[in-house]
Amino acid sequence: MPALPPIPSDIARIAAPLLFGNLWNWALYGVLVVQLYVYSYNFPDDKKLLKLLVYAIFCLETLQTSLSGANLYYWFVSGFGDMNHLASPYLGSFNVLMLEPVVSLNVQFFFVYRIWVLSAKKQWWLCLTICLCCTVDVVAAFTGGIYAHVHDKFASGSALNAFAIIWLLGSVIADILIAAAMLYHLARIRRDMDSLFNHRALLRIVGPIIETNFMTTSVGIISLLLVLIFPREIYYTCPMSIIGKLYSNTLLVSLNNRISIREAAAIKEVEMISLAVEPLVTSQSGSDMGSTIESLPNSYNTVVP
C-alpha cells in the first residue's frame, strides 16, 4: 500500500471551507424544509405549474444535500488523513457546479416572469438580458463542473477559475438587474396608491424579494472576490456551497409572504367591521345587534382566512 502524502501544518485552509460550506448547506436545507411545509399547508390551490416548480426545486435540493453528505463522508471519514481525498472535489463537481446553477436558473426565471408581468410586458428587453446572463452563467458552471471532474482537482489552474468567474459574474449581474427592476416597480406602483394600507401591503410583497435578492447577490460577490483574490486556494467553495439553497429559500420566502398579505387584509376587514358597527352600539340594544350585523354588506361579514 503506497504511503499517504504528509499532512501540511496549514490543513485548515483546505478543510475549513469544505466543512463549513457543507454544514451551512445542511442548515439552509432545514430552513427550506420548514418553508416547504408552510407553503404546502397554506397554498394547496396554487397553479399546478407553480407547484411543479416548487417541488422540483425541493427535489433537486434534496439530491444536492444528499450528495454533499457523501462528500463529507469521502473527505473526513473514509479519507480521514488522506490529502488526496481533500484535494479531490469528488461529487462536488456535480452537486455544486451543476445542480446549484440549475436551481438558481429556475428561480431567476421566476423573478424575470414577475418583472415581465409588473411591467405589463413592456420591459421585454430587460427580461431577455437577465435570461441571457442566467443562461451564460449556467453553461459556464456546467463546463467548469465537467472540467473539475475530469481533472479531479479543486484548483486546476486558470481554466477552472475562468469558468467560476463567468458563472458568478453572470449570476451577480442577473441578481442586480432583478433587484433594480423590483425597486423601480415598487416606486412606480407606490405613486399610484393613495392608501397607506396598500403601501404596506406592497412593501410586504416586494420588500422580502429585494432583501433576499440582496443576500444572494452578496454571497455571489463574496465568492467572486475569493476566486479573484485567492486563485490557488479553495476558499470560494464555502460560500459557493450555499448559493443554491439561498435561491430556493428566496423563492419560497416570496411565495409564503402571501400569508402576511392575507393576515393584513383580514385585519383591515375587521377594522372596517368595527368602524361600521361602533356607531350603532350606543343606539341599539343587544337584541338588535345581531340584525344590525346581518344587515352589513357581505364584504364586511367575510374575513379573509
Protein backbone atom coordinates (compact mmCIF):
# COMPACT_ATOMS: atom_id res chain seq x y z
CA MET A 1 0.00 0.00 0.00
CA PRO A 2 1.55 3.35 -1.02
CA ALA A 3 2.34 5.82 1.72
CA LEU A 4 -0.08 8.66 2.23
CA PRO A 5 1.12 12.18 1.46
CA PRO A 6 2.12 14.16 4.57
CA ILE A 7 -0.49 16.35 6.24
CA PRO A 8 0.51 20.01 5.95
CA SER A 9 0.56 22.23 9.00
CA ASP A 10 -1.96 24.61 7.36
CA ILE A 11 -4.50 21.91 6.55
CA ALA A 12 -7.26 24.16 7.93
CA ARG A 13 -7.13 26.34 4.81
CA ILE A 14 -8.25 23.29 2.82
CA ALA A 15 -10.54 21.51 5.26
CA ALA A 16 -12.34 24.50 6.82
CA PRO A 17 -14.01 25.83 3.62
CA LEU A 18 -15.21 22.33 2.72
CA LEU A 19 -16.53 21.59 6.21
CA PHE A 20 -18.26 24.90 6.96
CA GLY A 21 -19.69 25.25 3.45
CA ASN A 22 -21.42 21.88 3.69
CA LEU A 23 -22.59 22.46 7.27
CA TRP A 24 -24.26 25.74 6.27
CA ASN A 25 -25.68 23.99 3.25
CA TRP A 26 -27.37 21.42 5.52
CA ALA A 27 -28.61 24.14 7.86
CA LEU A 28 -30.26 26.00 4.98
CA TYR A 29 -31.83 22.75 3.83
CA GLY A 30 -33.55 22.57 7.21
CA VAL A 31 -34.88 26.08 6.66
CA LEU A 32 -36.08 25.02 3.21
CA VAL A 33 -37.99 22.05 4.63
CA VAL A 34 -39.86 24.36 7.02
CA GLN A 35 -40.59 26.79 4.19
CA LEU A 36 -41.96 23.97 2.04
CA TYR A 37 -44.24 22.79 4.85
CA VAL A 38 -45.59 26.32 5.33
CA TYR A 39 -46.17 26.63 1.58
CA SER A 40 -47.88 23.24 1.24
CA TYR A 41 -50.16 23.92 4.22
CA ASN A 42 -51.24 27.43 3.24
CA PHE A 43 -51.37 27.31 -0.56
CA PRO A 44 -52.71 23.93 -1.70
CA ASP A 45 -54.69 25.58 -4.50
CA ASP A 46 -51.78 27.27 -6.30
CA LYS A 47 -51.45 26.70 -10.02
CA LYS A 48 -50.04 23.33 -10.97
CA LEU A 49 -47.11 24.87 -12.84
CA LEU A 50 -46.06 26.87 -9.80
CA LYS A 51 -46.34 23.86 -7.50
CA LEU A 52 -44.35 21.83 -10.02
CA LEU A 53 -41.58 24.44 -9.88
CA VAL A 54 -41.54 24.45 -6.07
CA TYR A 55 -41.47 20.68 -5.63
CA ALA A 56 -38.98 20.15 -8.47
CA ILE A 57 -36.58 22.62 -6.85
CA PHE A 58 -37.05 20.91 -3.49
CA CYS A 59 -36.23 17.53 -5.05
CA LEU A 60 -33.09 18.98 -6.64
CA GLU A 61 -32.07 20.48 -3.30
CA THR A 62 -32.69 17.16 -1.54
CA LEU A 63 -30.44 15.43 -4.06
CA GLN A 64 -27.82 18.16 -3.70
CA THR A 65 -27.87 17.91 0.10
CA SER A 66 -27.52 14.12 -0.03
CA LEU A 67 -24.52 14.43 -2.34
CA SER A 68 -22.93 16.99 -0.04
CA GLY A 69 -23.27 14.44 2.77
CA ALA A 70 -21.49 11.90 0.59
CA ASN A 71 -18.75 14.48 0.03
CA LEU A 72 -18.31 14.99 3.75
CA TYR A 73 -18.03 11.25 4.26
CA TYR A 74 -15.44 10.98 1.48
CA TRP A 75 -13.32 13.88 2.74
CA PHE A 76 -13.50 13.46 6.52
CA VAL A 77 -14.44 9.82 7.21
CA SER A 78 -13.23 7.34 4.62
CA GLY A 79 -10.49 9.74 3.58
CA PHE A 80 -9.52 10.95 7.03
CA GLY A 81 -5.86 12.00 6.97
CA ASP A 82 -5.58 11.42 3.22
CA MET A 83 -4.70 14.64 1.42
CA ASN A 84 -5.58 13.06 -1.92
CA HIS A 85 -9.21 12.91 -0.77
CA LEU A 86 -9.24 16.55 0.34
CA ALA A 87 -7.73 17.65 -2.97
CA SER A 88 -10.50 15.95 -4.94
CA PRO A 89 -13.92 17.55 -5.49
CA TYR A 90 -15.43 14.03 -5.58
CA LEU A 91 -19.17 14.71 -6.16
CA GLY A 92 -18.76 18.47 -5.68
CA SER A 93 -18.25 18.96 -9.39
CA PHE A 94 -21.82 17.71 -9.86
CA ASN A 95 -23.79 18.91 -6.83
CA VAL A 96 -22.19 22.38 -6.62
CA LEU A 97 -21.27 23.23 -10.20
CA MET A 98 -24.27 21.61 -11.90
CA LEU A 99 -27.25 21.23 -9.55
CA GLU A 100 -26.97 24.62 -7.85
CA PRO A 101 -26.82 26.61 -11.14
CA VAL A 102 -29.95 24.77 -12.32
CA VAL A 103 -31.77 25.81 -9.13
CA SER A 104 -30.62 29.42 -9.43
CA LEU A 105 -31.60 29.49 -13.11
CA ASN A 106 -35.19 28.43 -12.38
CA VAL A 107 -35.58 30.88 -9.50
CA GLN A 108 -34.18 33.75 -11.55
CA PHE A 109 -36.53 32.89 -14.42
CA PHE A 110 -39.40 33.01 -11.92
CA PHE A 111 -38.49 36.58 -10.95
CA VAL A 112 -37.99 37.51 -14.58
CA TYR A 113 -41.58 36.46 -15.17
CA ARG A 114 -42.68 38.70 -12.30
CA ILE A 115 -40.84 41.64 -13.83
CA TRP A 116 -42.46 40.89 -17.18
CA VAL A 117 -45.91 40.94 -15.57
CA LEU A 118 -45.28 44.06 -13.45
CA SER A 119 -44.06 45.95 -16.50
CA ALA A 120 -47.15 44.92 -18.47
CA LYS A 121 -44.81 43.10 -20.89
CA LYS A 122 -43.07 46.37 -21.82
CA GLN A 123 -39.65 45.57 -20.36
CA TRP A 124 -39.09 42.51 -22.52
CA TRP A 125 -35.59 43.72 -23.36
CA LEU A 126 -34.63 43.69 -19.66
CA CYS A 127 -36.14 40.24 -19.18
CA LEU A 128 -34.24 39.00 -22.22
CA THR A 129 -30.98 40.45 -20.88
CA ILE A 130 -31.43 38.77 -17.49
CA CYS A 131 -32.28 35.45 -19.14
CA LEU A 132 -29.17 35.72 -21.30
CA CYS A 133 -26.96 36.35 -18.24
CA CYS A 134 -28.54 33.41 -16.42
CA THR A 135 -28.06 31.07 -19.37
CA VAL A 136 -24.42 32.06 -19.87
CA ASP A 137 -23.54 31.54 -16.20
CA VAL A 138 -25.23 28.11 -16.13
CA VAL A 139 -23.32 26.99 -19.23
CA ALA A 140 -20.07 28.21 -17.65
CA ALA A 141 -20.85 26.39 -14.38
CA PHE A 142 -21.62 23.13 -16.20
CA THR A 143 -18.40 23.41 -18.20
CA GLY A 144 -16.45 24.08 -15.02
CA GLY A 145 -18.06 21.06 -13.37
CA ILE A 146 -17.01 18.81 -16.23
CA TYR A 147 -13.50 20.28 -16.14
CA ALA A 148 -13.17 19.75 -12.37
CA HIS A 149 -14.45 16.18 -12.66
CA VAL A 150 -12.03 15.28 -15.46
CA HIS A 151 -9.01 16.76 -13.67
CA ASP A 152 -10.24 15.62 -10.22
CA LYS A 153 -8.87 18.76 -8.60
CA PHE A 154 -10.44 21.85 -6.99
CA ALA A 155 -7.77 24.30 -8.07
CA SER A 156 -6.81 23.06 -11.53
CA GLY A 157 -5.46 26.36 -12.76
CA SER A 158 -6.76 29.39 -14.61
CA ALA A 159 -9.28 27.44 -16.74
CA LEU A 160 -11.41 26.35 -13.78
CA ASN A 161 -11.17 29.82 -12.25
CA ALA A 162 -12.35 31.34 -15.53
CA PHE A 163 -15.45 29.14 -15.56
CA ALA A 164 -16.19 30.03 -11.92
CA ILE A 165 -15.74 33.75 -12.62
CA ILE A 166 -18.13 33.67 -15.59
CA TRP A 167 -20.72 31.75 -13.56
CA LEU A 168 -20.55 34.03 -10.53
CA LEU A 169 -20.32 37.25 -12.55
CA GLY A 170 -23.33 36.35 -14.68
CA SER A 171 -25.33 35.40 -11.58
CA VAL A 172 -24.42 38.65 -9.79
CA ILE A 173 -25.35 40.78 -12.81
CA ALA A 174 -28.70 38.99 -13.13
CA ASP A 175 -29.45 39.46 -9.42
CA ILE A 176 -28.58 43.16 -9.54
CA LEU A 177 -30.85 43.68 -12.55
CA ILE A 178 -33.69 41.82 -10.84
CA ALA A 179 -33.32 43.86 -7.64
CA ALA A 180 -33.14 47.14 -9.59
CA ALA A 181 -36.24 46.25 -11.59
CA MET A 182 -38.16 45.35 -8.43
CA LEU A 183 -37.15 48.63 -6.78
CA TYR A 184 -38.25 50.56 -9.85
CA HIS A 185 -41.66 48.90 -9.96
CA LEU A 186 -42.05 49.36 -6.20
CA ALA A 187 -41.53 53.11 -6.57
CA ARG A 188 -43.76 53.30 -9.64
CA ILE A 189 -46.68 51.44 -8.10
CA ARG A 190 -46.47 53.36 -4.81
CA ARG A 191 -47.01 56.62 -6.71
CA ASP A 192 -50.35 55.26 -7.93
CA MET A 193 -51.54 54.24 -4.46
CA ASP A 194 -53.27 56.60 -2.07
CA SER A 195 -53.94 54.17 0.77
CA LEU A 196 -51.36 53.64 3.50
CA PHE A 197 -52.66 50.09 3.81
CA ASN A 198 -51.90 49.47 0.13
CA HIS A 199 -48.40 50.88 0.61
CA ARG A 200 -47.75 48.48 3.46
CA ALA A 201 -49.17 45.56 1.52
CA LEU A 202 -46.92 46.38 -1.43
CA LEU A 203 -43.88 46.56 0.84
CA ARG A 204 -44.80 43.18 2.29
CA ILE A 205 -44.82 41.73 -1.23
CA VAL A 206 -41.76 43.34 -2.80
CA GLY A 207 -39.65 44.03 0.31
CA PRO A 208 -38.66 40.42 1.13
CA ILE A 209 -37.92 39.77 -2.54
CA ILE A 210 -35.44 42.66 -2.64
CA GLU A 211 -33.90 41.68 0.71
CA THR A 212 -33.36 38.03 -0.19
CA ASN A 213 -32.14 39.03 -3.64
CA PHE A 214 -29.59 41.28 -1.96
CA MET A 215 -28.41 38.29 0.10
CA THR A 216 -27.85 36.07 -2.94
CA THR A 217 -26.04 38.93 -4.68
CA SER A 218 -23.79 39.47 -1.66
CA VAL A 219 -22.83 35.80 -1.44
CA GLY A 220 -22.13 35.73 -5.17
CA ILE A 221 -19.88 38.79 -4.88
CA ILE A 222 -18.03 37.25 -1.93
CA SER A 223 -17.46 34.03 -3.87
CA LEU A 224 -16.27 36.01 -6.89
CA LEU A 225 -13.82 38.04 -4.80
CA LEU A 226 -12.41 34.90 -3.20
CA VAL A 227 -11.78 33.38 -6.63
CA LEU A 228 -10.05 36.56 -7.84
CA ILE A 229 -8.01 37.27 -4.70
CA PHE A 230 -7.06 33.65 -3.88
CA PRO A 231 -6.94 31.88 -7.26
CA ARG A 232 -4.89 28.94 -5.93
CA GLU A 233 -7.00 28.37 -2.81
CA ILE A 234 -10.42 26.81 -2.37
CA TYR A 235 -11.86 29.42 -0.01
CA TYR A 236 -14.55 30.14 -2.60
CA THR A 237 -16.07 26.67 -2.08
CA CYS A 238 -17.52 27.76 1.28
CA PRO A 239 -19.92 30.50 0.09
CA MET A 240 -20.38 28.75 -3.25
CA SER A 241 -21.80 25.70 -1.46
CA ILE A 242 -24.84 27.62 -0.19
CA ILE A 243 -25.77 29.66 -3.27
CA GLY A 244 -28.38 27.16 -4.45
CA LYS A 245 -30.02 26.97 -1.02
CA LEU A 246 -30.24 30.75 -0.85
CA TYR A 247 -32.05 30.86 -4.19
CA SER A 248 -34.52 28.10 -3.29
CA ASN A 249 -35.27 29.72 0.06
CA THR A 250 -35.71 33.05 -1.71
CA LEU A 251 -38.37 31.53 -3.93
CA LEU A 252 -40.34 30.05 -1.03
CA VAL A 253 -39.99 33.16 1.11
CA SER A 254 -41.52 35.23 -1.69
CA LEU A 255 -44.39 32.75 -2.07
CA ASN A 256 -45.03 32.29 1.66
CA ASN A 257 -45.01 36.05 2.13
CA ARG A 258 -48.57 36.00 0.82
CA ILE A 259 -49.58 34.78 4.29
CA SER A 260 -48.76 38.19 5.77
CA ILE A 261 -50.74 39.84 2.97
CA ARG A 262 -53.72 37.64 3.81
CA GLU A 263 -53.44 38.44 7.51
CA ALA A 264 -53.12 42.16 6.81
CA ALA A 265 -56.22 42.02 4.64
CA ALA A 266 -58.09 40.20 7.42
CA ILE A 267 -57.07 42.84 9.98
CA LYS A 268 -58.18 45.57 7.59
CA GLU A 269 -61.54 43.86 7.14
CA VAL A 270 -62.03 43.54 10.91
CA GLU A 271 -61.25 47.23 11.31
CA MET A 272 -63.89 48.04 8.70
CA ILE A 273 -66.44 45.93 10.59
CA SER A 274 -65.60 47.70 13.85
CA LEU A 275 -65.96 51.13 12.26
CA ALA A 276 -69.29 50.14 10.75
CA VAL A 277 -70.73 48.68 13.97
CA GLU A 278 -69.34 51.00 16.64
CA PRO A 279 -71.66 53.99 15.99
CA LEU A 280 -74.65 51.66 16.34
CA VAL A 281 -73.65 50.14 19.69
CA THR A 282 -74.84 53.11 21.78
CA SER A 283 -78.13 53.46 19.99
CA GLN A 284 -79.27 49.83 19.82
CA SER A 285 -79.92 47.13 22.37
CA GLY A 286 -78.04 43.84 22.45
CA SER A 287 -81.01 42.04 20.94
CA ASP A 288 -80.86 44.29 17.91
CA MET A 289 -77.11 43.88 17.35
CA GLY A 290 -77.49 40.57 15.53
CA SER A 291 -79.83 42.05 12.97
CA THR A 292 -77.57 45.07 12.59
CA ILE A 293 -74.51 42.96 11.78
CA GLU A 294 -76.57 40.81 9.42
CA SER A 295 -77.63 43.97 7.60
CA LEU A 296 -73.99 44.91 6.84
CA PRO A 297 -72.70 44.30 3.33
CA ASN A 298 -71.31 40.84 2.68
CA SER A 299 -67.78 42.21 2.32
CA TYR A 300 -67.89 43.27 5.99
CA ASN A 301 -69.13 39.89 7.17
CA THR A 302 -66.40 37.87 5.48
CA VAL A 303 -62.92 37.89 6.96
CA VAL A 304 -60.16 36.61 4.72
CA PRO A 305 -58.73 33.45 6.32
